[in-house]
Amino acid sequence: MIFDILTIFPDFFRSPLEGGILRRGIEAGLISVNPVNLRDFTSDRHRTVDDRPFGGGEGMVMKPEPILKALDSLQISPLDAKVILMSPRGRVFNQSIAAELSVERRLVIICGRYEGVDQRISDHCVDMELSIGDYVLSGGEAAALVVMEAVGRLIPGVLGCEDSARNDSFSNGILEYPQYTRPRRFRGWEVPPVLLSGDHAAIARWRRREALKATLRRRPDLLGKAKLDPEDLRLLDGLKEERP
């Protein structure tokens, strides 16, 4: 997977790429990250990437020329890459979209700034607009990093254990079950006995029930879209009766 990041702050990505999952993917040759400085594609001595909006209003808007020149420099084709604009107006990014993007060979991510990007870029050069939530950031760099992390960990071989991604929260439509590790007793707080039983079937049932319980209490909106079997529905009925 190649990530091309169009930004005016390419150094923003230096530290995050030096550790964690993204670094592992880069070192394994499974991920390549190419920060592209949009100021390198300007034509004035001030390296200007923004201008005042037509029609008036506060703030500045990113000019189309540097972005289009940067895209042209990558020599991509519609079959070769998907171009994404990070924008508050985009689809809200989630695990399903991350899985969808993880099968692409190349993602080009445009990081907006100021009051946004000239609409002609969105209309004619972008395949998808994405938002990471209902709030506003100063720029798209942090959002682009979220997308790279979520997508990158789904690329086969990046994680040490492939089951880890499959069991993540949201991957199967509900939140993940609780996790415990050593010590068995900590400040009087005990690990649930079933996890020490060695009964793998009982552990699987307990984990499924706890995952459904967490989803019911914290994100009940997810249950309407989750793929639930008859046993799940039976467990949910019992959990609803337990709720105060």
Protein backbone atom coordinates (compact mmCIF):
# COMPACT_ATOMS: atom_id res chain seq x y z
CA MET A 1 0.00 0.00 0.00
CA ILE A 2 1.31 3.43 -0.98
CA PHE A 3 0.08 6.49 0.90
CA ASP A 4 0.75 9.81 -0.84
CA ILE A 5 -0.01 12.68 1.55
CA LEU A 6 -0.51 16.14 0.00
CA THR A 7 0.16 18.66 2.76
CA ILE A 8 1.83 21.96 3.61
CA PHE A 9 3.32 20.35 6.75
CA PRO A 10 5.19 17.21 5.58
CA ASP A 11 7.26 17.12 8.79
CA PHE A 12 4.05 16.49 10.75
CA PHE A 13 4.28 12.82 9.75
CA ARG A 14 7.92 12.25 10.62
CA SER A 15 7.55 11.21 14.27
CA PRO A 16 4.37 9.06 13.89
CA LEU A 17 6.06 7.06 11.14
CA GLU A 18 9.04 6.24 13.36
CA GLY A 19 7.12 3.94 15.68
CA GLY A 20 4.18 1.56 16.01
CA ILE A 21 2.21 -0.29 13.38
CA LEU A 22 3.01 2.07 10.51
CA ARG A 23 6.73 1.73 11.07
CA ARG A 24 6.39 -2.06 11.17
CA GLY A 25 4.55 -2.00 7.85
CA ILE A 26 7.16 0.30 6.29
CA GLU A 27 10.08 -1.85 7.47
CA ALA A 28 8.35 -4.98 6.13
CA GLY A 29 7.91 -3.32 2.74
CA LEU A 30 4.12 -3.55 3.00
CA ILE A 31 3.51 0.20 3.42
CA SER A 32 5.13 3.21 1.79
CA VAL A 33 4.35 6.78 2.91
CA ASN A 34 5.20 9.68 0.64
CA PRO A 35 4.54 13.16 2.14
CA VAL A 36 4.25 15.68 -0.71
CA ASN A 37 4.85 19.36 0.12
CA LEU A 38 2.23 21.42 -1.72
CA ARG A 39 4.44 24.51 -1.46
CA ASP A 40 6.84 22.82 -3.90
CA PHE A 41 4.17 23.24 -6.57
CA THR A 42 3.64 26.99 -6.25
CA SER A 43 4.95 29.55 -8.74
CA ASP A 44 5.57 32.69 -6.63
CA ARG A 45 8.46 33.55 -4.35
CA HIS A 46 6.21 33.40 -1.26
CA ARG A 47 5.15 29.83 -2.13
CA THR A 48 1.50 30.78 -1.70
CA VAL A 49 -1.02 27.95 -1.39
CA ASP A 50 -4.09 29.95 -0.33
CA ASP A 51 -6.10 33.03 -1.31
CA ARG A 52 -9.23 34.95 -0.31
CA PRO A 53 -12.57 33.40 -1.28
CA PHE A 54 -14.64 34.82 -4.12
CA GLY A 55 -17.81 36.38 -2.77
CA GLY A 56 -16.13 37.56 0.41
CA GLY A 57 -16.07 36.01 3.83
CA GLU A 58 -13.54 35.31 6.55
CA GLY A 59 -10.49 33.12 6.21
CA MET A 60 -8.55 31.79 3.27
CA VAL A 61 -9.14 28.94 0.81
CA MET A 62 -6.51 26.57 -0.57
CA LYS A 63 -5.80 27.31 -4.23
CA PRO A 64 -6.45 24.60 -6.84
CA GLU A 65 -3.21 25.00 -8.84
CA PRO A 66 -0.70 23.57 -6.32
CA ILE A 67 -2.97 20.64 -5.52
CA LEU A 68 -3.56 19.75 -9.17
CA LYS A 69 0.14 20.08 -10.01
CA ALA A 70 1.01 17.81 -7.07
CA LEU A 71 -1.55 15.24 -8.24
CA ASP A 72 -0.17 15.41 -11.79
CA SER A 73 3.36 14.85 -10.48
CA LEU A 74 2.29 11.51 -9.00
CA GLN A 75 1.24 10.25 -12.45
CA ILE A 76 -1.66 8.25 -11.09
CA SER A 77 -4.60 6.83 -13.00
CA PRO A 78 -8.15 6.05 -11.79
CA LEU A 79 -7.30 2.34 -11.79
CA ASP A 80 -4.04 2.91 -9.93
CA ALA A 81 -5.12 4.99 -6.94
CA LYS A 82 -8.01 6.45 -4.99
CA VAL A 83 -7.83 10.19 -4.19
CA ILE A 84 -9.25 11.20 -0.81
CA LEU A 85 -9.88 14.68 0.55
CA MET A 86 -10.00 15.04 4.34
CA SER A 87 -12.96 17.36 4.93
CA PRO A 88 -15.61 18.02 7.62
CA ARG A 89 -18.18 17.56 4.84
CA GLY A 90 -17.04 14.03 4.02
CA ARG A 91 -18.40 10.61 4.94
CA VAL A 92 -17.68 9.81 8.56
CA PHE A 93 -14.75 7.39 8.58
CA ASN A 94 -15.37 4.01 10.21
CA GLN A 95 -14.02 0.47 10.29
CA SER A 96 -16.06 -0.56 7.28
CA ILE A 97 -14.54 2.21 5.15
CA ALA A 98 -11.08 1.31 6.48
CA ALA A 99 -11.60 -2.29 5.30
CA GLU A 100 -12.83 -1.04 1.93
CA LEU A 101 -9.73 1.11 1.46
CA SER A 102 -7.29 -1.55 2.67
CA VAL A 103 -7.64 -3.48 -0.60
CA GLU A 104 -6.52 -0.49 -2.68
CA ARG A 105 -2.97 -0.39 -4.02
CA ARG A 106 -2.49 3.34 -3.51
CA LEU A 107 -4.26 6.09 -1.55
CA VAL A 108 -3.63 9.78 -2.21
CA ILE A 109 -4.80 11.85 0.76
CA ILE A 110 -5.22 15.62 0.44
CA CYS A 111 -4.92 17.50 3.74
CA GLY A 112 -7.08 20.62 3.70
CA ARG A 113 -6.27 23.78 5.66
CA TYR A 114 -7.74 27.18 6.41
CA GLU A 115 -11.41 27.44 5.31
CA GLY A 116 -11.05 24.44 3.03
CA VAL A 117 -10.07 23.54 -0.52
CA ASP A 118 -11.26 25.15 -3.77
CA GLN A 119 -14.44 23.26 -4.71
CA ARG A 120 -13.15 22.50 -8.20
CA ILE A 121 -10.62 20.09 -6.68
CA SER A 122 -13.42 18.25 -4.89
CA ASP A 123 -15.62 18.25 -7.99
CA HIS A 124 -13.06 17.05 -10.53
CA CYS A 125 -10.04 15.48 -8.79
CA VAL A 126 -11.31 13.59 -5.75
CA ASP A 127 -12.86 10.12 -5.47
CA MET A 128 -13.97 10.40 -1.86
CA GLU A 129 -14.23 12.97 0.93
CA LEU A 130 -13.72 11.68 4.46
CA SER A 131 -14.26 13.14 7.92
CA ILE A 132 -13.07 11.55 11.18
CA GLY A 133 -15.89 13.07 13.24
CA ASP A 134 -18.30 15.88 13.81
CA TYR A 135 -15.77 18.50 14.86
CA VAL A 136 -13.32 20.81 13.13
CA LEU A 137 -9.52 20.55 13.13
CA SER A 138 -7.09 23.20 11.93
CA GLY A 139 -6.02 20.89 9.11
CA GLY A 140 -6.32 17.44 7.64
CA GLU A 141 -2.94 16.11 8.76
CA ALA A 142 -4.14 14.54 12.01
CA ALA A 143 -7.16 13.10 10.19
CA ALA A 144 -4.94 11.65 7.46
CA LEU A 145 -2.83 9.96 10.12
CA VAL A 146 -5.97 8.37 11.60
CA VAL A 147 -6.90 6.98 8.18
CA MET A 148 -3.39 5.63 7.57
CA GLU A 149 -3.29 3.91 10.97
CA ALA A 150 -6.74 2.34 10.63
CA VAL A 151 -6.19 1.20 7.04
CA GLY A 152 -2.56 0.18 7.48
CA ARG A 153 -3.23 -2.28 10.28
CA LEU A 154 -5.72 -4.15 8.04
CA ILE A 155 -3.13 -4.84 5.35
CA PRO A 156 -2.19 -8.55 5.54
CA GLY A 157 1.15 -9.04 7.26
CA VAL A 158 1.32 -5.67 9.03
CA LEU A 159 -0.01 -7.01 12.35
CA GLY A 160 1.80 -9.87 14.02
CA CYS A 161 -1.50 -11.70 14.54
CA GLU A 162 -4.16 -11.45 11.83
CA ASP A 163 -6.91 -12.48 14.30
CA SER A 164 -6.20 -9.28 16.23
CA ALA A 165 -7.71 -7.12 13.49
CA ARG A 166 -10.67 -9.45 13.00
CA ASN A 167 -11.54 -9.24 16.71
CA ASP A 168 -11.17 -5.47 17.03
CA SER A 169 -14.08 -3.30 18.08
CA PHE A 170 -16.33 -2.48 15.09
CA SER A 171 -14.76 -5.18 12.88
CA ASN A 172 -17.73 -7.48 13.41
CA GLY A 173 -20.25 -4.73 14.08
CA ILE A 174 -20.02 -4.58 17.88
CA LEU A 175 -17.53 -3.49 20.52
CA GLU A 176 -14.73 -5.78 21.67
CA TYR A 177 -14.99 -7.91 24.80
CA PRO A 178 -12.96 -7.01 27.95
CA GLN A 179 -9.33 -8.14 28.15
CA TYR A 180 -7.29 -9.18 31.21
CA THR A 181 -3.67 -10.12 31.84
CA ARG A 182 -1.34 -10.90 34.77
CA PRO A 183 -1.45 -10.57 37.73
CA ARG A 184 -4.49 -12.74 38.41
CA ARG A 185 -5.36 -10.61 41.44
CA PHE A 186 -4.61 -6.88 41.56
CA ARG A 187 -5.63 -4.75 44.55
CA GLY A 188 -8.34 -7.25 45.31
CA TRP A 189 -9.72 -7.14 41.76
CA GLU A 190 -10.00 -10.62 40.30
CA VAL A 191 -9.85 -11.88 36.73
CA PRO A 192 -13.18 -13.53 35.77
CA PRO A 193 -12.85 -17.24 36.65
CA VAL A 194 -14.06 -18.43 33.23
CA LEU A 195 -10.92 -17.01 31.60
CA LEU A 196 -8.80 -19.28 33.82
CA SER A 197 -10.90 -22.40 33.24
CA GLY A 198 -9.25 -23.63 30.07
CA ASP A 199 -12.72 -24.28 28.63
CA HIS A 200 -12.40 -22.58 25.24
CA ALA A 201 -16.08 -22.92 24.38
CA ALA A 202 -17.11 -21.32 27.67
CA ILE A 203 -14.56 -18.55 27.17
CA ALA A 204 -15.91 -17.86 23.66
CA ARG A 205 -19.49 -17.67 24.99
CA TRP A 206 -18.41 -15.34 27.82
CA ARG A 207 -16.53 -13.05 25.44
CA ARG A 208 -19.46 -12.83 23.06
CA ARG A 209 -21.84 -12.01 25.90
CA GLU A 210 -19.51 -9.34 27.30
CA ALA A 211 -19.04 -7.82 23.86
CA LEU A 212 -22.79 -7.58 23.42
CA LYS A 213 -23.15 -6.14 26.92
CA ALA A 214 -20.57 -3.44 26.25
CA THR A 215 -22.25 -2.56 22.95
CA LEU A 216 -25.72 -2.45 24.50
CA ARG A 217 -24.58 -0.13 27.29
CA ARG A 218 -22.15 2.11 25.42
CA ARG A 219 -23.08 2.04 21.72
CA PRO A 220 -26.59 0.60 21.32
CA ASP A 221 -26.81 2.34 17.93
CA LEU A 222 -24.42 -0.30 16.55
CA LEU A 223 -26.75 -3.19 17.29
CA GLY A 224 -29.21 -2.19 14.59
CA LYS A 225 -26.55 -2.75 11.92
CA ALA A 226 -24.62 -5.67 13.44
CA LYS A 227 -24.89 -9.21 12.08
CA LEU A 228 -26.49 -11.06 15.00
CA ASP A 229 -27.45 -14.73 15.09
CA PRO A 230 -30.34 -16.20 17.15
CA GLU A 231 -28.01 -16.89 20.09
CA ASP A 232 -26.88 -13.26 20.08
CA LEU A 233 -30.49 -12.11 20.15
CA ARG A 234 -31.22 -14.44 23.07
CA LEU A 235 -28.23 -13.06 24.97
CA LEU A 236 -29.34 -9.50 24.26
CA ASP A 237 -32.81 -10.19 25.59
CA GLY A 238 -31.28 -11.43 28.82
CA LEU A 239 -28.95 -8.46 29.04
CA LYS A 240 -31.81 -6.01 28.55
CA GLU A 241 -33.67 -7.61 31.46
CA GLU A 242 -30.58 -7.13 33.64
CA ARG A 243 -30.30 -3.41 32.91
CA PRO A 244 -31.43 -1.13 35.74
